C-alpha atoms as a PDB file:
ATOM      1  CA  MET A   1     -46.018  59.762-141.713  1.00  0.00           C
ATOM      2  CA  GLU A   2     -44.640  63.266-141.964  1.00  0.00           C
ATOM      3  CA  ASN A   3     -44.134  65.530-139.024  1.00  0.00           C
ATOM      4  CA  VAL A   4     -46.802  68.193-139.175  1.00  0.00           C
ATOM      5  CA  ARG A   5     -46.330  71.400-137.286  1.00  0.00           C
ATOM      6  CA  ARG A   6     -48.874  74.167-137.125  1.00  0.00           C
ATOM      7  CA  GLN A   7     -47.909  77.565-135.838  1.00  0.00           C
ATOM      8  CA  TYR A   8     -50.325  80.334-134.996  1.00  0.00           C
ATOM      9  CA  VAL A   9     -49.739  83.956-134.180  1.00  0.00           C
ATOM     10  CA  LEU A  10     -52.479  85.116-131.885  1.00  0.00           C
ATOM     11  CA  PRO A  11     -53.368  88.774-132.349  1.00  0.00           C
ATOM     12  CA  ASP A  12     -53.557  90.942-129.228  1.00  0.00           C
ATOM     13  CA  ILE A  13     -51.911  88.306-127.016  1.00  0.00           C
ATOM     14  CA  LYS A  14     -48.962  90.154-125.543  1.00  0.00           C
ATOM     15  CA  ASP A  15     -48.022  88.561-122.225  1.00  0.00           C
ATOM     16  CA  CYS A  16     -48.942  84.869-122.303  1.00  0.00           C
ATOM     17  CA  GLU A  17     -47.730  83.399-119.022  1.00  0.00           C
ATOM     18  CA  PHE A  18     -49.982  80.332-119.175  1.00  0.00           C
ATOM     19  CA  PHE A  19     -52.854  78.844-121.120  1.00  0.00           C
ATOM     20  CA  ALA A  20     -55.306  75.980-120.723  1.00  0.00           C
ATOM     21  CA  LEU A  21     -57.372  73.935-123.158  1.00  0.00           C
ATOM     22  CA  SER A  22     -60.985  73.214-122.401  1.00  0.00           C
ATOM     23  CA  PRO A  23     -62.439  69.703-122.705  1.00  0.00           C
ATOM     24  CA  GLN A  24     -62.926  68.749-126.378  1.00  0.00           C
ATOM     25  CA  ASN A  25     -60.618  71.691-127.271  1.00  0.00           C
ATOM     26  CA  SER A  26     -63.599  74.014-127.669  1.00  0.00           C
ATOM     27  CA  ALA A  27     -61.779  76.948-126.056  1.00  0.00           C
ATOM     28  CA  ILE A  28     -58.334  78.128-125.074  1.00  0.00           C
ATOM     29  CA  LEU A  29     -57.870  80.263-121.982  1.00  0.00           C
ATOM     30  CA  VAL A  30     -54.829  82.554-122.036  1.00  0.00           C
ATOM     31  CA  LYS A  31     -53.414  84.818-119.352  1.00  0.00           C
ATOM     32  CA  ASN A  32     -52.821  88.066-121.205  1.00  0.00           C
ATOM     33  CA  GLY A  33     -51.291  90.480-118.700  1.00  0.00           C
ATOM     34  CA  ASP A  34     -51.595  90.862-114.939  1.00  0.00           C
ATOM     35  CA  LYS A  35     -55.355  91.390-114.870  1.00  0.00           C
ATOM     36  CA  GLN A  36     -56.808  89.627-117.882  1.00  0.00           C
ATOM     37  CA  ILE A  37     -57.757  86.121-119.013  1.00  0.00           C
ATOM     38  CA  ASP A  38     -58.712  85.854-122.695  1.00  0.00           C
ATOM     39  CA  VAL A  39     -61.029  83.079-123.853  1.00  0.00           C
ATOM     40  CA  LEU A  40     -60.347  82.066-127.459  1.00  0.00           C
ATOM     41  CA  ASP A  41     -62.588  80.003-129.695  1.00  0.00           C
ATOM     42  CA  GLY A  42     -60.946  76.566-129.993  1.00  0.00           C
ATOM     43  CA  ASP A  43     -61.592  76.271-133.738  1.00  0.00           C
ATOM     44  CA  THR A  44     -60.873  79.758-135.059  1.00  0.00           C
ATOM     45  CA  LEU A  45     -58.667  81.106-132.243  1.00  0.00           C
ATOM     46  CA  ASP A  46     -60.754  84.293-132.335  1.00  0.00           C
ATOM     47  CA  LEU A  47     -61.213  86.196-129.088  1.00  0.00           C
ATOM     48  CA  ALA A  48     -64.555  85.160-127.578  1.00  0.00           C
ATOM     49  CA  PHE A  49     -64.383  87.018-124.264  1.00  0.00           C
ATOM     50  CA  SER A  50     -61.960  88.792-121.914  1.00  0.00           C
ATOM     51  CA  MET A  51     -62.286  88.348-118.172  1.00  0.00           C
ATOM     52  CA  LYS A  52     -60.832  90.876-115.735  1.00  0.00           C
ATOM     53  CA  VAL A  53     -59.158  89.058-112.836  1.00  0.00           C
ATOM     54  CA  ASP A  54     -56.822  90.500-110.192  1.00  0.00           C
ATOM     55  CA  GLN A  55     -53.449  88.667-110.191  1.00  0.00           C
ATOM     56  CA  PRO A  56     -54.413  85.439-112.011  1.00  0.00           C
ATOM     57  CA  LYS A  57     -51.983  82.547-111.617  1.00  0.00           C
ATOM     58  CA  CYS A  58     -53.774  79.492-113.043  1.00  0.00           C
ATOM     59  CA  VAL A  59     -56.969  78.617-114.843  1.00  0.00           C
ATOM     60  CA  TYR A  60     -59.053  75.505-115.412  1.00  0.00           C
ATOM     61  CA  LEU A  61     -62.302  74.852-117.284  1.00  0.00           C
ATOM     62  CA  ALA A  62     -64.524  72.059-115.954  1.00  0.00           C
ATOM     63  CA  GLN A  63     -67.856  71.473-117.688  1.00  0.00           C
ATOM     64  CA  LYS A  64     -69.256  75.011-118.098  1.00  0.00           C
ATOM     65  CA  LEU A  65     -67.333  76.644-115.267  1.00  0.00           C
ATOM     66  CA  ILE A  66     -64.019  78.476-115.441  1.00  0.00           C
ATOM     67  CA  PHE A  67     -61.924  78.375-112.267  1.00  0.00           C
ATOM     68  CA  VAL A  68     -59.257  81.069-111.915  1.00  0.00           C
ATOM     69  CA  GLY A  69     -56.762  80.825-109.065  1.00  0.00           C
ATOM     70  CA  THR A  70     -55.011  84.006-108.007  1.00  0.00           C
ATOM     71  CA  TRP A  71     -51.918  85.098-106.113  1.00  0.00           C
ATOM     72  CA  ASN A  72     -54.126  87.018-103.663  1.00  0.00           C
ATOM     73  CA  CYS A  73     -55.617  83.849-102.082  1.00  0.00           C
ATOM     74  CA  VAL A  74     -58.832  83.683-104.082  1.00  0.00           C
ATOM     75  CA  LEU A  75     -60.471  81.154-106.394  1.00  0.00           C
ATOM     76  CA  ASN A  76     -62.924  82.854-108.761  1.00  0.00           C
ATOM     77  CA  ILE A  77     -65.597  80.786-110.515  1.00  0.00           C
ATOM     78  CA  TYR A  78     -67.160  82.018-113.774  1.00  0.00           C
ATOM     79  CA  ASP A  79     -70.143  80.534-115.612  1.00  0.00           C
ATOM     80  CA  VAL A  80     -69.579  80.148-119.365  1.00  0.00           C
ATOM     81  CA  GLY A  81     -73.327  79.714-119.959  1.00  0.00           C
ATOM     82  CA  LYS A  82     -74.089  83.049-118.262  1.00  0.00           C
ATOM     83  CA  ASP A  83     -71.794  85.245-120.393  1.00  0.00           C
ATOM     84  CA  PHE A  84     -68.726  84.438-118.256  1.00  0.00           C
ATOM     85  CA  LYS A  85     -70.340  86.019-115.188  1.00  0.00           C
ATOM     86  CA  LEU A  86     -68.469  85.721-111.891  1.00  0.00           C
ATOM     87  CA  ILE A  87     -70.746  83.470-109.831  1.00  0.00           C
ATOM     88  CA  LYS A  88     -68.623  82.687-106.778  1.00  0.00           C
ATOM     89  CA  THR A  89     -65.430  83.753-105.027  1.00  0.00           C
ATOM     90  CA  LEU A  90     -63.780  81.399-102.548  1.00  0.00           C
ATOM     91  CA  LYS A  91     -61.072  82.493-100.122  1.00  0.00           C
ATOM     92  CA  THR A  92     -58.090  80.125 -99.927  1.00  0.00           C
ATOM     93  CA  LYS A  93     -55.319  79.805 -97.322  1.00  0.00           C
ATOM     94  CA  ALA A  94     -52.602  80.898 -99.763  1.00  0.00           C
ATOM     95  CA  GLY A  95     -52.061  81.886-103.399  1.00  0.00           C
ATOM     96  CA  VAL A  96     -53.467  79.264-105.778  1.00  0.00           C
ATOM     97  CA  ARG A  97     -50.667  77.841-107.964  1.00  0.00           C
ATOM     98  CA  THR A  98     -52.441  75.007-109.772  1.00  0.00           C
ATOM     99  CA  ILE A  99     -55.913  73.585-110.385  1.00  0.00           C
ATOM    100  CA  CYS A 100     -56.901  70.149-111.664  1.00  0.00           C
ATOM    101  CA  GLU A 101     -60.087  68.115-111.863  1.00  0.00           C
ATOM    102  CA  PHE A 102     -60.311  65.244-109.384  1.00  0.00           C
ATOM    103  CA  ASP A 103     -63.584  63.843-110.716  1.00  0.00           C
ATOM    104  CA  ARG A 104     -66.809  65.150-112.288  1.00  0.00           C
ATOM    105  CA  HIS A 105     -67.751  67.030-109.114  1.00  0.00           C
ATOM    106  CA  HIS A 106     -64.454  68.044-107.498  1.00  0.00           C
ATOM    107  CA  ILE A 107     -61.427  70.138-108.341  1.00  0.00           C
ATOM    108  CA  VAL A 108     -58.188  70.282-106.410  1.00  0.00           C
ATOM    109  CA  CYS A 109     -56.326  73.559-105.809  1.00  0.00           C
ATOM    110  CA  GLY A 110     -52.637  73.407-104.958  1.00  0.00           C
ATOM    111  CA  GLU A 111     -51.562  76.463-103.010  1.00  0.00           C
ATOM    112  CA  ASN A 112     -48.421  78.107-101.700  1.00  0.00           C
ATOM    113  CA  GLU A 113     -47.031  76.848 -98.387  1.00  0.00           C
ATOM    114  CA  GLY A 114     -48.309  73.297 -99.044  1.00  0.00           C
ATOM    115  CA  TRP A 115     -52.048  73.914 -98.710  1.00  0.00           C
ATOM    116  CA  VAL A 116     -54.449  71.832-100.811  1.00  0.00           C
ATOM    117  CA  ASP A 117     -58.172  72.521-101.177  1.00  0.00           C
ATOM    118  CA  VAL A 118     -60.679  70.039-102.580  1.00  0.00           C
ATOM    119  CA  ILE A 119     -63.701  71.948-103.873  1.00  0.00           C
ATOM    120  CA  ARG A 120     -67.029  70.394-104.810  1.00  0.00           C
ATOM    121  CA  PHE A 121     -69.008  71.871-107.702  1.00  0.00           C
ATOM    122  CA  SER A 122     -72.103  70.848-109.618  1.00  0.00           C
END
């Protein structure tokens, strides 16, 4: 089997600090600058939506919710089914550095200074 390598140049992506793939690779979430998360279509890599977020650090998509952790001690939750509308903001003890899914109803946020939050969602 040959090694196959695909390379894409994403237009308008200038400052990609991190990205995340959604389940089933239906979308790619890219941090594009200090105040913007771009949501790209997983098949075409076209820009689907841009979310304005203050100091984003990490992002995670679970089911139809996008969780964005920030340096300013906030976890923002956006609903993909409602045109990426911000539906909830949770205050955390410290800046959110990482987010992962624990199970179908919980995510875990790793924060600065050793704090960990387990957050239930439905």
